[in-house]
Amino acid sequence: RVIIVDDLLATGGTMQATVRLVQQLGGHIGGLA
């Protein structure tokens, strides 16, 4: 389980790519901050 933390949420493009990478490695998203 992974919680992803970033400094800024604007349009969400970077976070969408980050979520895809975590899922690609078999991780489960516990939340975004």
PDB file of all heavy atoms in Angstrom:
ATOM      1  N   ARG A   1       0.850  -1.192   0.000  1.00  0.00           N
ATOM      2  CA  ARG A   1       0.000   0.000   0.000  1.00  0.00           C
ATOM      3  C   ARG A   1       0.881   1.235   0.000  1.00  0.00           C
ATOM      4  O   ARG A   1       1.856   1.306   0.737  1.00  0.00           O
ATOM      5  CB  ARG A   1      -0.927   0.007   1.211  1.00  0.00           C
ATOM      6  CG  ARG A   1      -2.053  -1.015   1.074  1.00  0.00           C
ATOM      7  CD  ARG A   1      -2.994  -1.045   2.254  1.00  0.00           C
ATOM      8  NE  ARG A   1      -3.525   0.237   2.646  1.00  0.00           N
ATOM      9  CZ  ARG A   1      -4.606   0.830   2.118  1.00  0.00           C
ATOM     10  NH1 ARG A   1      -5.269   0.229   1.168  1.00  0.00           N
ATOM     11  NH2 ARG A   1      -5.029   1.993   2.562  1.00  0.00           N
ATOM     12  N   VAL A   2       0.518   2.216  -0.822  1.00  0.00           N
ATOM     13  CA  VAL A   2       1.345   3.392  -1.031  1.00  0.00           C
ATOM     14  C   VAL A   2       0.497   4.648  -0.878  1.00  0.00           C
ATOM     15  O   VAL A   2      -0.601   4.729  -1.425  1.00  0.00           O
ATOM     16  CB  VAL A   2       1.969   3.364  -2.448  1.00  0.00           C
ATOM     17  CG1 VAL A   2       2.779   4.611  -2.715  1.00  0.00           C
ATOM     18  CG2 VAL A   2       2.812   2.111  -2.639  1.00  0.00           C
ATOM     19  N   ILE A   3       1.015   5.617  -0.133  1.00  0.00           N
ATOM     20  CA  ILE A   3       0.427   6.957  -0.089  1.00  0.00           C
ATOM     21  C   ILE A   3       1.380   7.849  -0.869  1.00  0.00           C
ATOM     22  O   ILE A   3       2.566   7.911  -0.563  1.00  0.00           O
ATOM     23  CB  ILE A   3       0.249   7.472   1.346  1.00  0.00           C
ATOM     24  CG1 ILE A   3      -0.757   6.595   2.078  1.00  0.00           C
ATOM     25  CG2 ILE A   3      -0.198   8.934   1.334  1.00  0.00           C
ATOM     26  CD1 ILE A   3      -0.935   6.939   3.530  1.00  0.00           C
ATOM     27  N   ILE A   4       0.857   8.518  -1.871  1.00  0.00           N
ATOM     28  CA  ILE A   4       1.685   9.389  -2.710  1.00  0.00           C
ATOM     29  C   ILE A   4       1.520  10.825  -2.225  1.00  0.00           C
ATOM     30  O   ILE A   4       0.400  11.312  -2.086  1.00  0.00           O
ATOM     31  CB  ILE A   4       1.280   9.276  -4.186  1.00  0.00           C
ATOM     32  CG1 ILE A   4       1.343   7.816  -4.652  1.00  0.00           C
ATOM     33  CG2 ILE A   4       2.182  10.149  -5.050  1.00  0.00           C
ATOM     34  CD1 ILE A   4       0.769   7.589  -6.032  1.00  0.00           C
ATOM     35  N   VAL A   5       2.648  11.494  -1.992  1.00  0.00           N
ATOM     36  CA  VAL A   5       2.652  12.875  -1.509  1.00  0.00           C
ATOM     37  C   VAL A   5       3.373  13.746  -2.532  1.00  0.00           C
ATOM     38  O   VAL A   5       4.464  13.414  -2.978  1.00  0.00           O
ATOM     39  CB  VAL A   5       3.360  12.974  -0.140  1.00  0.00           C
ATOM     40  CG1 VAL A   5       3.356  14.417   0.356  1.00  0.00           C
ATOM     41  CG2 VAL A   5       2.704  12.047   0.873  1.00  0.00           C
ATOM     42  N   ASP A   6       2.750  14.862  -2.896  1.00  0.00           N
ATOM     43  CA  ASP A   6       3.350  15.799  -3.840  1.00  0.00           C
ATOM     44  C   ASP A   6       3.107  17.216  -3.326  1.00  0.00           C
ATOM     45  O   ASP A   6       2.236  17.441  -2.482  1.00  0.00           O
ATOM     46  CB  ASP A   6       2.739  15.605  -5.230  1.00  0.00           C
ATOM     47  CG  ASP A   6       3.610  16.165  -6.349  1.00  0.00           C
ATOM     48  OD1 ASP A   6       4.691  16.723  -6.067  1.00  0.00           O
ATOM     49  OD2 ASP A   6       3.209  16.039  -7.517  1.00  0.00           O
ATOM     50  N   ASP A   7       3.853  18.154  -3.853  1.00  0.00           N
ATOM     51  CA  ASP A   7       3.709  19.528  -3.390  1.00  0.00           C
ATOM     52  C   ASP A   7       2.475  20.213  -3.952  1.00  0.00           C
ATOM     53  O   ASP A   7       1.865  21.031  -3.279  1.00  0.00           O
ATOM     54  CB  ASP A   7       4.963  20.353  -3.694  1.00  0.00           C
ATOM     55  CG  ASP A   7       5.316  20.424  -5.179  1.00  0.00           C
ATOM     56  OD1 ASP A   7       4.797  19.597  -5.961  1.00  0.00           O
ATOM     57  OD2 ASP A   7       6.128  21.285  -5.552  1.00  0.00           O
ATOM     58  N   LEU A   8       2.073  19.876  -5.191  1.00  0.00           N
ATOM     59  CA  LEU A   8       1.016  20.641  -5.849  1.00  0.00           C
ATOM     60  C   LEU A   8       0.091  19.738  -6.658  1.00  0.00           C
ATOM     61  O   LEU A   8       0.551  18.896  -7.427  1.00  0.00           O
ATOM     62  CB  LEU A   8       1.657  21.667  -6.799  1.00  0.00           C
ATOM     63  CG  LEU A   8       0.705  22.528  -7.622  1.00  0.00           C
ATOM     64  CD1 LEU A   8      -0.053  23.501  -6.730  1.00  0.00           C
ATOM     65  CD2 LEU A   8       1.471  23.277  -8.694  1.00  0.00           C
ATOM     66  N   LEU A   9      -1.211  19.955  -6.514  1.00  0.00           N
ATOM     67  CA  LEU A   9      -2.204  19.345  -7.396  1.00  0.00           C
ATOM     68  C   LEU A   9      -2.809  20.470  -8.227  1.00  0.00           C
ATOM     69  O   LEU A   9      -3.495  21.346  -7.702  1.00  0.00           O
ATOM     70  CB  LEU A   9      -3.313  18.631  -6.609  1.00  0.00           C
ATOM     71  CG  LEU A   9      -4.468  18.075  -7.442  1.00  0.00           C
ATOM     72  CD1 LEU A   9      -3.979  17.102  -8.510  1.00  0.00           C
ATOM     73  CD2 LEU A   9      -5.512  17.431  -6.553  1.00  0.00           C
ATOM     74  N   ALA A  10      -2.499  20.441  -9.527  1.00  0.00           N
ATOM     75  CA  ALA A  10      -3.054  21.432 -10.445  1.00  0.00           C
ATOM     76  C   ALA A  10      -4.044  20.703 -11.362  1.00  0.00           C
ATOM     77  O   ALA A  10      -5.164  20.416 -10.957  1.00  0.00           O
ATOM     78  CB  ALA A  10      -1.931  22.118 -11.222  1.00  0.00           C
ATOM     79  N   THR A  11      -3.620  20.331 -12.564  1.00  0.00           N
ATOM     80  CA  THR A  11      -4.512  19.622 -13.483  1.00  0.00           C
ATOM     81  C   THR A  11      -4.540  18.121 -13.222  1.00  0.00           C
ATOM     82  O   THR A  11      -5.434  17.431 -13.692  1.00  0.00           O
ATOM     83  CB  THR A  11      -4.094  19.858 -14.943  1.00  0.00           C
ATOM     84  OG1 THR A  11      -2.779  19.325 -15.139  1.00  0.00           O
ATOM     85  CG2 THR A  11      -4.127  21.347 -15.290  1.00  0.00           C
ATOM     86  N   GLY A  12      -3.554  17.596 -12.520  1.00  0.00           N
ATOM     87  CA  GLY A  12      -3.536  16.184 -12.153  1.00  0.00           C
ATOM     88  C   GLY A  12      -2.755  15.280 -13.091  1.00  0.00           C
ATOM     89  O   GLY A  12      -2.662  14.076 -12.854  1.00  0.00           O
ATOM     90  N   GLY A  13      -2.162  15.817 -14.138  1.00  0.00           N
ATOM     91  CA  GLY A  13      -1.445  15.001 -15.109  1.00  0.00           C
ATOM     92  C   GLY A  13      -0.254  14.253 -14.533  1.00  0.00           C
ATOM     93  O   GLY A  13      -0.078  13.055 -14.781  1.00  0.00           O
ATOM     94  N   THR A  14       0.558  14.932 -13.770  1.00  0.00           N
ATOM     95  CA  THR A  14       1.728  14.297 -13.166  1.00  0.00           C
ATOM     96  C   THR A  14       1.298  13.220 -12.180  1.00  0.00           C
ATOM     97  O   THR A  14       1.869  12.123 -12.153  1.00  0.00           O
ATOM     98  CB  THR A  14       2.616  15.339 -12.457  1.00  0.00           C
ATOM     99  OG1 THR A  14       3.004  16.338 -13.391  1.00  0.00           O
ATOM    100  CG2 THR A  14       3.858  14.690 -11.865  1.00  0.00           C
ATOM    101  N   MET A  15       0.273  13.495 -11.398  1.00  0.00           N
ATOM    102  CA  MET A  15      -0.186  12.497 -10.427  1.00  0.00           C
ATOM    103  C   MET A  15      -0.815  11.299 -11.122  1.00  0.00           C
ATOM    104  O   MET A  15      -0.648  10.164 -10.666  1.00  0.00           O
ATOM    105  CB  MET A  15      -1.165  13.127  -9.432  1.00  0.00           C
ATOM    106  CG  MET A  15      -1.571  12.174  -8.325  1.00  0.00           C
ATOM    107  SD  MET A  15      -0.191  11.444  -7.380  1.00  0.00           S
ATOM    108  CE  MET A  15       0.488  12.868  -6.568  1.00  0.00           C
ATOM    109  N   GLN A  16      -1.509  11.502 -12.227  1.00  0.00           N
ATOM    110  CA  GLN A  16      -2.050  10.358 -12.970  1.00  0.00           C
ATOM    111  C   GLN A  16      -0.920   9.439 -13.430  1.00  0.00           C
ATOM    112  O   GLN A  16      -1.024   8.220 -13.327  1.00  0.00           O
ATOM    113  CB  GLN A  16      -2.847  10.834 -14.187  1.00  0.00           C
ATOM    114  CG  GLN A  16      -4.224  11.311 -13.860  1.00  0.00           C
ATOM    115  CD  GLN A  16      -4.985  11.685 -15.120  1.00  0.00           C
ATOM    116  OE1 GLN A  16      -4.487  12.430 -15.963  1.00  0.00           O
ATOM    117  NE2 GLN A  16      -6.192  11.159 -15.249  1.00  0.00           N
ATOM    118  N   ALA A  17       0.159  10.023 -13.921  1.00  0.00           N
ATOM    119  CA  ALA A  17       1.307   9.222 -14.355  1.00  0.00           C
ATOM    120  C   ALA A  17       1.941   8.506 -13.163  1.00  0.00           C
ATOM    121  O   ALA A  17       2.325   7.337 -13.258  1.00  0.00           O
ATOM    122  CB  ALA A  17       2.333  10.112 -15.050  1.00  0.00           C
ATOM    123  N   THR A  18       2.019   9.171 -12.040  1.00  0.00           N
ATOM    124  CA  THR A  18       2.590   8.578 -10.831  1.00  0.00           C
ATOM    125  C   THR A  18       1.745   7.400 -10.361  1.00  0.00           C
ATOM    126  O   THR A  18       2.267   6.342 -10.014  1.00  0.00           O
ATOM    127  CB  THR A  18       2.706   9.643  -9.728  1.00  0.00           C
ATOM    128  OG1 THR A  18       3.537  10.715 -10.212  1.00  0.00           O
ATOM    129  CG2 THR A  18       3.309   9.078  -8.467  1.00  0.00           C
ATOM    130  N   VAL A  19       0.443   7.562 -10.354  1.00  0.00           N
ATOM    131  CA  VAL A  19      -0.471   6.482  -9.969  1.00  0.00           C
ATOM    132  C   VAL A  19      -0.286   5.288 -10.903  1.00  0.00           C
ATOM    133  O   VAL A  19      -0.219   4.140 -10.455  1.00  0.00           O
ATOM    134  CB  VAL A  19      -1.936   6.980  -9.971  1.00  0.00           C
ATOM    135  CG1 VAL A  19      -2.922   5.821  -9.935  1.00  0.00           C
ATOM    136  CG2 VAL A  19      -2.177   7.925  -8.799  1.00  0.00           C
ATOM    137  N   ARG A  20      -0.167   5.554 -12.206  1.00  0.00           N
ATOM    138  CA  ARG A  20       0.038   4.459 -13.174  1.00  0.00           C
ATOM    139  C   ARG A  20       1.331   3.702 -12.877  1.00  0.00           C
ATOM    140  O   ARG A  20       1.371   2.474 -12.968  1.00  0.00           O
ATOM    141  CB  ARG A  20       0.066   4.998 -14.598  1.00  0.00           C
ATOM    142  CG  ARG A  20      -1.315   5.281 -15.145  1.00  0.00           C
ATOM    143  CD  ARG A  20      -1.313   5.419 -16.662  1.00  0.00           C
ATOM    144  NE  ARG A  20      -0.239   6.257 -17.137  1.00  0.00           N
ATOM    145  CZ  ARG A  20      -0.399   7.437 -17.734  1.00  0.00           C
ATOM    146  NH1 ARG A  20      -1.591   7.925 -17.913  1.00  0.00           N
ATOM    147  NH2 ARG A  20       0.633   8.124 -18.152  1.00  0.00           N
ATOM    148  N   LEU A  21       2.394   4.429 -12.530  1.00  0.00           N
ATOM    149  CA  LEU A  21       3.664   3.771 -12.220  1.00  0.00           C
ATOM    150  C   LEU A  21       3.554   2.883 -10.985  1.00  0.00           C
ATOM    151  O   LEU A  21       4.049   1.758 -10.976  1.00  0.00           O
ATOM    152  CB  LEU A  21       4.768   4.812 -11.996  1.00  0.00           C
ATOM    153  CG  LEU A  21       5.550   5.232 -13.214  1.00  0.00           C
ATOM    154  CD1 LEU A  21       6.578   6.300 -12.844  1.00  0.00           C
ATOM    155  CD2 LEU A  21       6.245   4.066 -13.866  1.00  0.00           C
ATOM    156  N   VAL A  22       2.914   3.386  -9.946  1.00  0.00           N
ATOM    157  CA  VAL A  22       2.737   2.590  -8.725  1.00  0.00           C
ATOM    158  C   VAL A  22       1.949   1.324  -9.053  1.00  0.00           C
ATOM    159  O   VAL A  22       2.323   0.221  -8.631  1.00  0.00           O
ATOM    160  CB  VAL A  22       2.039   3.419  -7.624  1.00  0.00           C
ATOM    161  CG1 VAL A  22       1.600   2.540  -6.463  1.00  0.00           C
ATOM    162  CG2 VAL A  22       2.961   4.536  -7.135  1.00  0.00           C
ATOM    163  N   GLN A  23       0.897   1.460  -9.819  1.00  0.00           N
ATOM    164  CA  GLN A  23       0.080   0.299 -10.195  1.00  0.00           C
ATOM    165  C   GLN A  23       0.854  -0.663 -11.084  1.00  0.00           C
ATOM    166  O   GLN A  23       0.718  -1.875 -10.960  1.00  0.00           O
ATOM    167  CB  GLN A  23      -1.203   0.771 -10.874  1.00  0.00           C
ATOM    168  CG  GLN A  23      -2.129   1.486  -9.921  1.00  0.00           C
ATOM    169  CD  GLN A  23      -3.300   2.156 -10.606  1.00  0.00           C
ATOM    170  OE1 GLN A  23      -3.244   2.480 -11.792  1.00  0.00           O
ATOM    171  NE2 GLN A  23      -4.368   2.385  -9.855  1.00  0.00           N
ATOM    172  N   GLN A  24       1.688  -0.124 -11.972  1.00  0.00           N
ATOM    173  CA  GLN A  24       2.516  -0.942 -12.852  1.00  0.00           C
ATOM    174  C   GLN A  24       3.434  -1.862 -12.043  1.00  0.00           C
ATOM    175  O   GLN A  24       3.684  -2.996 -12.434  1.00  0.00           O
ATOM    176  CB  GLN A  24       3.379  -0.017 -13.716  1.00  0.00           C
ATOM    177  CG  GLN A  24       3.551  -0.400 -15.129  1.00  0.00           C
ATOM    178  CD  GLN A  24       4.305   0.689 -15.881  1.00  0.00           C
ATOM    179  OE1 GLN A  24       5.232   1.302 -15.367  1.00  0.00           O
ATOM    180  NE2 GLN A  24       3.889   0.920 -17.109  1.00  0.00           N
ATOM    181  N   LEU A  25       3.919  -1.366 -10.912  1.00  0.00           N
ATOM    182  CA  LEU A  25       4.812  -2.147 -10.055  1.00  0.00           C
ATOM    183  C   LEU A  25       4.038  -3.027  -9.076  1.00  0.00           C
ATOM    184  O   LEU A  25       4.630  -3.694  -8.243  1.00  0.00           O
ATOM    185  CB  LEU A  25       5.764  -1.225  -9.302  1.00  0.00           C
ATOM    186  CG  LEU A  25       6.780  -0.477 -10.177  1.00  0.00           C
ATOM    187  CD1 LEU A  25       7.653   0.432  -9.325  1.00  0.00           C
ATOM    188  CD2 LEU A  25       7.634  -1.428 -10.984  1.00  0.00           C
ATOM    189  N   GLY A  26       2.708  -3.000  -9.151  1.00  0.00           N
ATOM    190  CA  GLY A  26       1.890  -3.857  -8.301  1.00  0.00           C
ATOM    191  C   GLY A  26       1.471  -3.233  -6.989  1.00  0.00           C
ATOM    192  O   GLY A  26       0.902  -3.900  -6.131  1.00  0.00           O
ATOM    193  N   GLY A  27       1.733  -1.938  -6.811  1.00  0.00           N
ATOM    194  CA  GLY A  27       1.338  -1.250  -5.589  1.00  0.00           C
ATOM    195  C   GLY A  27      -0.132  -0.887  -5.586  1.00  0.00           C
ATOM    196  O   GLY A  27      -0.764  -0.778  -6.646  1.00  0.00           O
ATOM    197  N   HIS A  28      -0.683  -0.711  -4.392  1.00  0.00           N
ATOM    198  CA  HIS A  28      -2.076  -0.293  -4.217  1.00  0.00           C
ATOM    199  C   HIS A  28      -2.080   1.100  -3.601  1.00  0.00           C
ATOM    200  O   HIS A  28      -1.411   1.338  -2.594  1.00  0.00           O
ATOM    201  CB  HIS A  28      -2.829  -1.267  -3.313  1.00  0.00           C
ATOM    202  CG  HIS A  28      -2.885  -2.649  -3.865  1.00  0.00           C
ATOM    203  ND1 HIS A  28      -3.684  -2.995  -4.934  1.00  0.00           N
ATOM    204  CD2 HIS A  28      -2.222  -3.772  -3.521  1.00  0.00           C
ATOM    205  CE1 HIS A  28      -3.515  -4.266  -5.217  1.00  0.00           C
ATOM    206  NE2 HIS A  28      -2.624  -4.766  -4.373  1.00  0.00           N
ATOM    207  N   ILE A  29      -2.829   2.009  -4.181  1.00  0.00           N
ATOM    208  CA  ILE A  29      -2.869   3.396  -3.719  1.00  0.00           C
ATOM    209  C   ILE A  29      -3.733   3.493  -2.468  1.00  0.00           C
ATOM    210  O   ILE A  29      -4.927   3.214  -2.511  1.00  0.00           O
ATOM    211  CB  ILE A  29      -3.421   4.335  -4.814  1.00  0.00           C
ATOM    212  CG1 ILE A  29      -2.684   4.153  -6.134  1.00  0.00           C
ATOM    213  CG2 ILE A  29      -3.384   5.785  -4.334  1.00  0.00           C
ATOM    214  CD1 ILE A  29      -1.215   4.467  -6.108  1.00  0.00           C
ATOM    215  N   GLY A  30      -3.131   3.909  -1.356  1.00  0.00           N
ATOM    216  CA  GLY A  30      -3.850   4.105  -0.106  1.00  0.00           C
ATOM    217  C   GLY A  30      -4.394   5.514   0.029  1.00  0.00           C
ATOM    218  O   GLY A  30      -5.273   5.781   0.839  1.00  0.00           O
ATOM    219  N   GLY A  31      -3.872   6.453  -0.755  1.00  0.00           N
ATOM    220  CA  GLY A  31      -4.329   7.826  -0.717  1.00  0.00           C
ATOM    221  C   GLY A  31      -3.343   8.741  -1.417  1.00  0.00           C
ATOM    222  O   GLY A  31      -2.215   8.345  -1.733  1.00  0.00           O
ATOM    223  N   LEU A  32      -3.790   9.968  -1.666  1.00  0.00           N
ATOM    224  CA  LEU A  32      -2.970  10.999  -2.295  1.00  0.00           C
ATOM    225  C   LEU A  32      -2.982  12.221  -1.397  1.00  0.00           C
ATOM    226  O   LEU A  32      -4.045  12.608  -0.895  1.00  0.00           O
ATOM    227  CB  LEU A  32      -3.535  11.368  -3.675  1.00  0.00           C
ATOM    228  CG  LEU A  32      -3.825  10.221  -4.642  1.00  0.00           C
ATOM    229  CD1 LEU A  32      -4.494  10.759  -5.900  1.00  0.00           C
ATOM    230  CD2 LEU A  32      -2.553   9.478  -4.984  1.00  0.00           C
ATOM    231  N   ALA A  33      -1.829  12.833  -1.208  1.00  0.00           N
ATOM    232  CA  ALA A  33      -1.736  14.021  -0.348  1.00  0.00           C
ATOM    233  C   ALA A  33      -0.937  15.107  -1.060  1.00  0.00           C
ATOM    234  O   ALA A  33       0.035  14.815  -1.762  1.00  0.00           O
ATOM    235  CB  ALA A  33      -1.080  13.660   0.976  1.00  0.00           C
TER     236      ALA A  33
END
